[in-house]
Amino acid sequence: MLEIPHRTDTCRQFKADGGMVAAVLPIHYPRSLLRAFHILPVEVWGPPKVDVSYGGAHLQPYVCSIVHNALSFLKAGGLDETDILLVPHTCDSLQGLGSILIDFVRPRQPVFPIYLPRGRRPEDVDFLAEEFRALYENLARVTGRRPTEDALWAAIRREEAADQALANLYRHRRALGLGNRDFYRLVRSREFLPAETFTDLARAALAQRQADPPRTDRVPVILSGIVPEPMDVLDAIEEMDGEVVADDLACCGRRLYPQGRSEDPLRYMAERILFGPPDVTRGTPIEDRAAHLLRLAEDTGARGVIFYDVKFCEPELFDLPDLRRRLKDAGLPSVNIEVDIGDPLPHQTITRIGAFLEVIE
């Protein structure tokens, strides 16, 4: 079993080496730009198991638990060791959180929003590149550094190497001999490890893969949604003889970014994000998402899709009725489950997953 460094230890070691740490809310942001400033991005997907009363004074009860937990975690001191807060405007809830942090809560760390366009037109790329240019200036003001173009390209290449290693983990996942939870613990370490550390870890895992992995009788499924929290869901699927063979998760599979094409490093970073896999939070049409899921099912032999969504996640829930209908018409069944990431995995959820696996077996 590979030893994955602990998130807290990683942050402290990076700061001991003279760097800074940025707490980053979901989903898309320019890792390369932060690392060029010697800033380690550490992602905040909630986290689970937080006293949400800290954030309840500022947020409506129907705001998703990722935002509730993130604000509560901040106010409880969970982000005290970070130096910067980065809030992409992924959805209305995260945009609202950014406004709350800038205008009301006002943490000691500077708060920088990123506005993401909802398209792939040339003007969308232009817009996002300008957003990154503005972020460059903000980071220069905070750090006193101004990375050269060569430094930006060096950071881009490190991140691309890590992304290629991540893609290889997906490509050879069955040969790795890892269960659902262990595979996603490894994949999700990309959320906080420096790119070069993650690349080494992924390559070590790939070096141990089996040349001829044994066949399994488990029911192959695709897991879609924002984040697999609580991660007990991965154990539950496995215990009921299911196997996650592909995913359309915002924290994982939707960030298998391609290479860019521009000769300008900031525009190149923008292209990588905007031309990534389909993602409802970037305005991807429903038909494109359906085609993507059907391709994943064809490539992996998945027999169904488990939509595992955070309660009140409006971007996801708006798409689901039409998306599931299109998949059903194409012969790919699905089930929709909503969870609060701070709650234990409900028995009702386990029962529904088990019933779905029995139906598609």
Protein backbone atom coordinates (compact mmCIF):
# COMPACT_ATOMS: atom_id res chain seq x y z
CA MET A 1 0.00 0.00 0.00
CA LEU A 2 1.34 3.42 -0.95
CA GLU A 3 1.97 5.95 1.79
CA ILE A 4 0.04 9.14 0.98
CA PRO A 5 1.39 12.19 2.80
CA HIS A 6 -1.02 13.85 5.20
CA ARG A 7 -2.60 17.13 4.11
CA THR A 8 -1.53 19.05 7.24
CA ASP A 9 2.04 17.75 7.08
CA THR A 10 2.22 18.68 3.39
CA CYS A 11 1.14 22.26 4.08
CA ARG A 12 3.54 22.71 6.97
CA GLN A 13 6.47 21.31 5.03
CA PHE A 14 5.73 23.55 2.05
CA LYS A 15 5.62 26.61 4.30
CA ALA A 16 8.80 25.52 6.08
CA ASP A 17 10.48 25.54 2.66
CA GLY A 18 9.53 29.19 2.21
CA GLY A 19 6.24 28.79 0.34
CA MET A 20 2.70 29.94 0.99
CA VAL A 21 -0.57 27.97 1.04
CA ALA A 22 -3.82 28.93 -0.70
CA ALA A 23 -7.13 27.40 0.38
CA VAL A 24 -9.08 26.88 -2.85
CA LEU A 25 -12.82 26.31 -3.14
CA PRO A 26 -14.22 24.11 -5.97
CA ILE A 27 -13.81 23.55 -8.86
CA HIS A 28 -11.59 24.99 -11.61
CA TYR A 29 -8.60 27.26 -11.04
CA PRO A 30 -5.06 27.76 -12.43
CA ARG A 31 -2.84 25.49 -10.36
CA SER A 32 0.16 26.42 -12.50
CA LEU A 33 -0.22 30.12 -11.78
CA LEU A 34 -0.26 29.58 -8.03
CA ARG A 35 2.77 27.28 -8.10
CA ALA A 36 4.72 29.79 -10.20
CA PHE A 37 4.38 32.12 -7.19
CA HIS A 38 5.54 29.31 -4.85
CA ILE A 39 2.01 28.95 -3.50
CA LEU A 40 0.60 25.48 -2.80
CA PRO A 41 -3.11 25.16 -3.67
CA VAL A 42 -4.99 23.06 -1.11
CA GLU A 43 -8.60 22.39 -2.04
CA VAL A 44 -11.52 22.71 0.38
CA TRP A 45 -14.38 20.35 -0.58
CA GLY A 46 -16.43 21.01 2.53
CA PRO A 47 -14.83 19.39 4.45
CA PRO A 48 -17.11 16.80 6.16
CA LYS A 49 -17.51 16.47 9.94
CA VAL A 50 -17.62 20.20 10.68
CA ASP A 51 -19.83 22.08 13.16
CA VAL A 52 -21.96 23.94 10.60
CA SER A 53 -23.38 26.32 13.21
CA TYR A 54 -20.37 28.61 12.61
CA GLY A 55 -21.54 29.32 9.07
CA GLY A 56 -25.26 29.18 9.78
CA ALA A 57 -25.35 32.84 10.83
CA HIS A 58 -24.40 33.89 7.30
CA LEU A 59 -25.98 31.28 5.02
CA GLN A 60 -29.51 30.13 4.26
CA PRO A 61 -30.29 26.52 5.24
CA TYR A 62 -30.87 25.59 1.59
CA VAL A 63 -27.28 26.44 0.58
CA CYS A 64 -25.29 23.29 -0.19
CA SER A 65 -23.23 21.64 2.53
CA ILE A 66 -19.94 22.22 0.68
CA VAL A 67 -20.37 25.98 1.17
CA HIS A 68 -21.83 25.67 4.68
CA ASN A 69 -18.98 23.42 5.80
CA ALA A 70 -16.29 25.53 4.15
CA LEU A 71 -17.42 28.73 5.87
CA SER A 72 -17.82 26.93 9.19
CA PHE A 73 -14.37 25.36 8.83
CA LEU A 74 -12.88 28.80 8.17
CA LYS A 75 -14.62 30.42 11.14
CA ALA A 76 -13.64 27.53 13.44
CA GLY A 77 -9.96 28.11 12.62
CA GLY A 78 -9.49 25.20 10.22
CA LEU A 79 -7.82 27.42 7.63
CA ASP A 80 -5.68 29.47 10.00
CA GLU A 81 -2.44 28.17 8.49
CA THR A 82 -3.38 29.22 4.96
CA ASP A 83 -2.26 32.54 3.48
CA ILE A 84 -4.76 33.13 0.66
CA LEU A 85 -8.39 32.20 -0.06
CA LEU A 86 -9.31 31.55 -3.69
CA VAL A 87 -13.03 31.33 -4.54
CA PRO A 88 -13.95 30.39 -8.12
CA HIS A 89 -17.47 31.51 -9.05
CA THR A 90 -18.56 27.97 -9.82
CA CYS A 91 -22.21 28.44 -8.86
CA ASP A 92 -24.52 30.92 -7.13
CA SER A 93 -23.69 29.46 -3.71
CA LEU A 94 -19.94 29.82 -4.15
CA GLN A 95 -20.36 33.26 -5.65
CA GLY A 96 -22.38 34.19 -2.58
CA LEU A 97 -19.67 32.79 -0.33
CA GLY A 98 -17.08 34.92 -2.09
CA SER A 99 -19.17 38.02 -1.48
CA ILE A 100 -19.67 37.11 2.19
CA LEU A 101 -15.94 36.66 2.68
CA ILE A 102 -15.10 39.95 0.97
CA ASP A 103 -17.84 42.12 2.47
CA PHE A 104 -18.88 40.63 5.82
CA VAL A 105 -16.71 37.95 7.40
CA ARG A 106 -13.44 39.43 6.15
CA PRO A 107 -10.88 36.79 7.19
CA ARG A 108 -7.27 37.80 7.80
CA GLN A 109 -6.29 36.18 4.47
CA PRO A 110 -6.85 38.09 1.23
CA VAL A 111 -9.79 36.69 -0.75
CA PHE A 112 -9.53 36.47 -4.53
CA PRO A 113 -12.52 35.44 -6.68
CA ILE A 114 -12.24 33.95 -10.17
CA TYR A 115 -15.09 34.41 -12.65
CA LEU A 116 -15.46 31.44 -15.00
CA PRO A 117 -17.15 31.84 -18.41
CA ARG A 118 -19.83 29.36 -19.44
CA GLY A 119 -18.60 28.54 -22.92
CA ARG A 120 -15.65 27.69 -25.16
CA ARG A 121 -15.74 30.56 -27.66
CA PRO A 122 -12.56 32.53 -28.36
CA GLU A 123 -13.96 35.39 -26.30
CA ASP A 124 -14.50 32.98 -23.37
CA VAL A 125 -10.83 32.04 -23.52
CA ASP A 126 -9.93 35.74 -23.69
CA PHE A 127 -12.07 36.47 -20.65
CA LEU A 128 -10.60 33.69 -18.52
CA ALA A 129 -7.05 34.60 -19.54
CA GLU A 130 -7.74 38.15 -18.36
CA GLU A 131 -9.09 36.77 -15.08
CA PHE A 132 -5.81 34.92 -14.63
CA ARG A 133 -3.89 38.09 -15.51
CA ALA A 134 -5.75 39.95 -12.76
CA LEU A 135 -5.01 37.10 -10.35
CA TYR A 136 -1.32 37.31 -11.35
CA GLU A 137 -1.28 40.97 -10.29
CA ASN A 138 -3.04 40.21 -7.00
CA LEU A 139 -0.60 37.42 -6.19
CA ALA A 140 2.35 39.66 -7.11
CA ARG A 141 1.07 42.25 -4.66
CA VAL A 142 0.72 39.67 -1.85
CA THR A 143 3.97 37.78 -2.42
CA GLY A 144 6.28 40.44 -3.78
CA ARG A 145 7.18 38.08 -6.64
CA ARG A 146 6.66 38.46 -10.39
CA PRO A 147 7.29 35.10 -12.08
CA THR A 148 8.78 35.31 -15.55
CA GLU A 149 7.18 33.73 -18.59
CA ASP A 150 9.74 30.92 -18.34
CA ALA A 151 8.71 30.30 -14.73
CA LEU A 152 5.05 30.14 -15.76
CA TRP A 153 5.82 27.60 -18.48
CA ALA A 154 7.88 25.51 -16.04
CA ALA A 155 4.92 25.43 -13.64
CA ILE A 156 2.58 24.49 -16.50
CA ARG A 157 4.80 21.56 -17.49
CA ARG A 158 4.88 20.27 -13.89
CA GLU A 159 1.10 20.37 -13.68
CA GLU A 160 0.72 18.70 -17.08
CA ALA A 161 3.01 15.88 -15.93
CA ALA A 162 0.81 15.42 -12.86
CA ASP A 163 -2.34 15.47 -14.99
CA GLN A 164 -0.85 12.88 -17.33
CA ALA A 165 -0.03 10.69 -14.33
CA LEU A 166 -3.63 11.12 -13.14
CA ALA A 167 -4.94 10.11 -16.58
CA ASN A 168 -2.72 7.02 -16.49
CA LEU A 169 -4.15 6.03 -13.12
CA TYR A 170 -7.61 6.13 -14.68
CA ARG A 171 -6.44 4.25 -17.75
CA HIS A 172 -4.93 1.40 -15.70
CA ARG A 173 -7.23 1.53 -12.68
CA ARG A 174 -8.26 -2.13 -12.82
CA ALA A 175 -4.64 -3.26 -13.02
CA LEU A 176 -3.69 -1.30 -9.90
CA GLY A 177 -5.37 -3.79 -7.59
CA LEU A 178 -6.93 -1.01 -5.49
CA GLY A 179 -10.43 -1.02 -4.05
CA ASN A 180 -12.83 1.86 -4.63
CA ARG A 181 -11.78 3.86 -1.56
CA ASP A 182 -8.03 3.32 -1.96
CA PHE A 183 -8.16 4.35 -5.62
CA TYR A 184 -9.98 7.58 -4.82
CA ARG A 185 -7.75 8.34 -1.84
CA LEU A 186 -4.86 8.23 -4.30
CA VAL A 187 -6.64 10.24 -7.00
CA ARG A 188 -7.89 12.86 -4.56
CA SER A 189 -4.43 13.45 -3.13
CA ARG A 190 -4.09 15.62 -6.26
CA GLU A 191 -6.24 18.10 -4.31
CA PHE A 192 -3.39 19.03 -1.96
CA LEU A 193 -0.06 17.48 -2.97
CA PRO A 194 2.49 19.47 -4.98
CA ALA A 195 2.34 18.35 -8.62
CA GLU A 196 5.78 16.75 -8.52
CA THR A 197 4.94 14.78 -5.34
CA PHE A 198 1.67 13.53 -6.82
CA THR A 199 3.45 12.54 -10.06
CA ASP A 200 5.97 10.45 -8.13
CA LEU A 201 3.21 8.84 -6.07
CA ALA A 202 1.12 8.01 -9.14
CA ARG A 203 4.12 6.57 -10.98
CA ALA A 204 4.93 4.39 -7.98
CA ALA A 205 1.36 3.05 -8.03
CA LEU A 206 1.52 2.45 -11.78
CA ALA A 207 4.82 0.57 -11.39
CA GLN A 208 3.00 -1.95 -9.18
CA ARG A 209 0.15 -2.62 -11.60
CA GLN A 210 -0.59 -6.17 -12.63
CA ALA A 211 0.17 -7.19 -16.20
CA ASP A 212 -2.90 -9.45 -16.34
CA PRO A 213 -5.42 -8.30 -13.70
CA PRO A 214 -7.90 -10.98 -12.65
CA ARG A 215 -11.47 -10.69 -13.88
CA THR A 216 -14.09 -9.70 -11.34
CA ASP A 217 -17.78 -10.47 -11.02
CA ARG A 218 -18.49 -7.07 -9.50
CA VAL A 219 -21.11 -4.88 -11.19
CA PRO A 220 -19.33 -2.05 -13.04
CA VAL A 221 -20.81 1.44 -12.56
CA ILE A 222 -19.99 5.09 -13.25
CA LEU A 223 -20.07 7.50 -10.32
CA SER A 224 -21.17 11.03 -11.21
CA GLY A 225 -21.66 14.18 -9.14
CA ILE A 226 -19.55 16.71 -7.28
CA VAL A 227 -17.57 14.87 -4.61
CA PRO A 228 -17.76 11.32 -3.13
CA GLU A 229 -18.34 12.40 0.47
CA PRO A 230 -18.85 10.78 2.83
CA MET A 231 -16.37 8.37 1.25
CA ASP A 232 -18.18 5.50 2.97
CA VAL A 233 -20.25 5.39 -0.23
CA LEU A 234 -17.24 3.84 -1.99
CA ASP A 235 -17.06 1.08 0.64
CA ALA A 236 -20.80 0.52 0.41
CA ILE A 237 -20.68 0.04 -3.37
CA GLU A 238 -17.84 -2.45 -2.98
CA GLU A 239 -19.51 -4.36 -0.14
CA MET A 240 -22.56 -4.83 -2.37
CA ASP A 241 -20.39 -6.26 -5.17
CA GLY A 242 -20.23 -3.05 -7.17
CA GLU A 243 -17.13 -1.52 -8.73
CA VAL A 244 -16.63 2.09 -9.77
CA VAL A 245 -14.93 1.73 -13.16
CA ALA A 246 -15.20 5.38 -14.26
CA ASP A 247 -16.38 8.68 -12.87
CA ASP A 248 -17.83 12.02 -13.86
CA LEU A 249 -16.99 13.65 -10.51
CA ALA A 250 -16.19 17.35 -10.32
CA CYS A 251 -13.26 16.70 -7.98
CA CYS A 252 -11.79 13.96 -10.17
CA GLY A 253 -12.76 12.97 -13.71
CA ARG A 254 -13.96 16.40 -14.82
CA ARG A 255 -10.45 17.73 -14.27
CA LEU A 256 -8.55 15.47 -16.67
CA TYR A 257 -7.45 18.58 -18.51
CA PRO A 258 -6.03 18.46 -22.06
CA GLN A 259 -3.04 20.45 -23.25
CA GLY A 260 -3.57 24.02 -24.42
CA ARG A 261 -2.51 25.50 -27.74
CA SER A 262 -1.64 29.14 -27.11
CA GLU A 263 1.89 30.53 -26.90
CA ASP A 264 0.77 32.85 -24.09
CA PRO A 265 1.01 30.97 -20.75
CA LEU A 266 -2.07 32.56 -19.17
CA ARG A 267 -4.20 31.90 -22.23
CA TYR A 268 -2.79 28.35 -22.32
CA MET A 269 -3.98 27.83 -18.72
CA ALA A 270 -7.43 29.11 -19.69
CA GLU A 271 -7.64 26.75 -22.68
CA ARG A 272 -6.79 23.75 -20.52
CA ILE A 273 -9.72 24.44 -18.19
CA LEU A 274 -12.30 25.46 -20.79
CA PHE A 275 -11.60 22.50 -23.07
CA GLY A 276 -11.67 19.94 -20.27
CA PRO A 277 -14.27 17.15 -19.91
CA PRO A 278 -17.96 18.15 -19.89
CA ASP A 279 -19.00 19.98 -16.75
CA VAL A 280 -22.37 21.52 -15.97
CA THR A 281 -20.71 24.27 -13.91
CA ARG A 282 -18.98 25.45 -17.11
CA GLY A 283 -22.25 25.46 -19.03
CA THR A 284 -21.74 22.21 -20.97
CA PRO A 285 -24.92 21.30 -22.94
CA ILE A 286 -26.85 18.31 -21.64
CA GLU A 287 -26.39 16.40 -24.89
CA ASP A 288 -22.61 16.68 -24.53
CA ARG A 289 -22.73 15.36 -20.98
CA ALA A 290 -24.94 12.46 -22.07
CA ALA A 291 -22.59 11.60 -24.93
CA HIS A 292 -19.62 11.70 -22.54
CA LEU A 293 -21.27 9.34 -20.05
CA LEU A 294 -22.29 6.95 -22.81
CA ARG A 295 -18.71 6.90 -24.10
CA LEU A 296 -17.43 6.15 -20.60
CA ALA A 297 -19.92 3.28 -20.31
CA GLU A 298 -18.91 1.88 -23.70
CA ASP A 299 -15.18 2.13 -22.91
CA THR A 300 -15.41 0.57 -19.44
CA GLY A 301 -18.39 -1.78 -19.71
CA ALA A 302 -20.28 0.13 -17.00
CA ARG A 303 -23.89 -1.01 -16.71
CA GLY A 304 -25.30 2.06 -15.01
CA VAL A 305 -24.64 5.50 -13.52
CA ILE A 306 -24.96 6.49 -9.87
CA PHE A 307 -25.60 10.24 -9.66
CA TYR A 308 -24.33 11.00 -6.18
CA ASP A 309 -25.14 14.65 -5.58
CA VAL A 310 -24.83 17.12 -2.75
CA LYS A 311 -28.24 18.36 -1.60
CA PHE A 312 -29.26 21.74 -3.05
CA CYS A 313 -26.59 21.59 -5.78
CA GLU A 314 -28.61 23.54 -8.30
CA PRO A 315 -26.31 23.18 -11.36
CA GLU A 316 -26.36 19.38 -11.03
CA LEU A 317 -30.04 19.05 -10.19
CA PHE A 318 -31.22 21.28 -13.05
CA ASP A 319 -29.65 18.91 -15.59
CA LEU A 320 -30.59 15.59 -14.06
CA PRO A 321 -34.14 14.99 -15.37
CA ASP A 322 -33.19 15.54 -19.03
CA LEU A 323 -29.78 13.91 -18.63
CA ARG A 324 -31.18 10.74 -17.07
CA ARG A 325 -33.93 10.58 -19.71
CA ARG A 326 -31.36 10.70 -22.51
CA LEU A 327 -29.28 7.97 -20.85
CA LYS A 328 -32.36 5.79 -20.36
CA ASP A 329 -33.34 6.21 -24.01
CA ALA A 330 -29.82 5.07 -24.94
CA GLY A 331 -30.11 1.98 -22.71
CA LEU A 332 -27.99 3.18 -19.76
CA PRO A 333 -29.94 3.10 -16.46
CA SER A 334 -29.19 5.45 -13.58
CA VAL A 335 -30.16 6.30 -10.03
CA ASN A 336 -30.06 9.70 -8.32
CA ILE A 337 -29.03 10.02 -4.66
CA GLU A 338 -28.72 13.28 -2.70
CA VAL A 339 -26.55 13.56 0.40
CA ASP A 340 -25.28 16.08 2.91
CA ILE A 341 -21.52 15.67 3.07
CA GLY A 342 -21.50 16.30 6.81
CA ASP A 343 -23.89 13.45 7.63
CA PRO A 344 -23.09 9.75 7.97
CA LEU A 345 -24.07 7.69 4.95
CA PRO A 346 -27.79 6.99 5.47
CA HIS A 347 -29.03 3.39 5.48
CA GLN A 348 -31.67 4.45 2.96
CA THR A 349 -28.87 5.44 0.56
CA ILE A 350 -27.14 2.11 1.01
CA THR A 351 -30.42 0.30 0.34
CA ARG A 352 -31.08 2.29 -2.84
CA ILE A 353 -27.58 1.64 -4.17
CA GLY A 354 -27.92 -2.06 -3.40
CA ALA A 355 -31.28 -2.25 -5.18
CA PHE A 356 -29.86 -0.44 -8.21
CA LEU A 357 -26.90 -2.82 -8.43
CA GLU A 358 -29.27 -5.80 -8.29
CA VAL A 359 -31.38 -4.39 -11.12
CA ILE A 360 -28.45 -3.80 -13.50
CA GLU A 361 -26.47 -6.95 -12.55
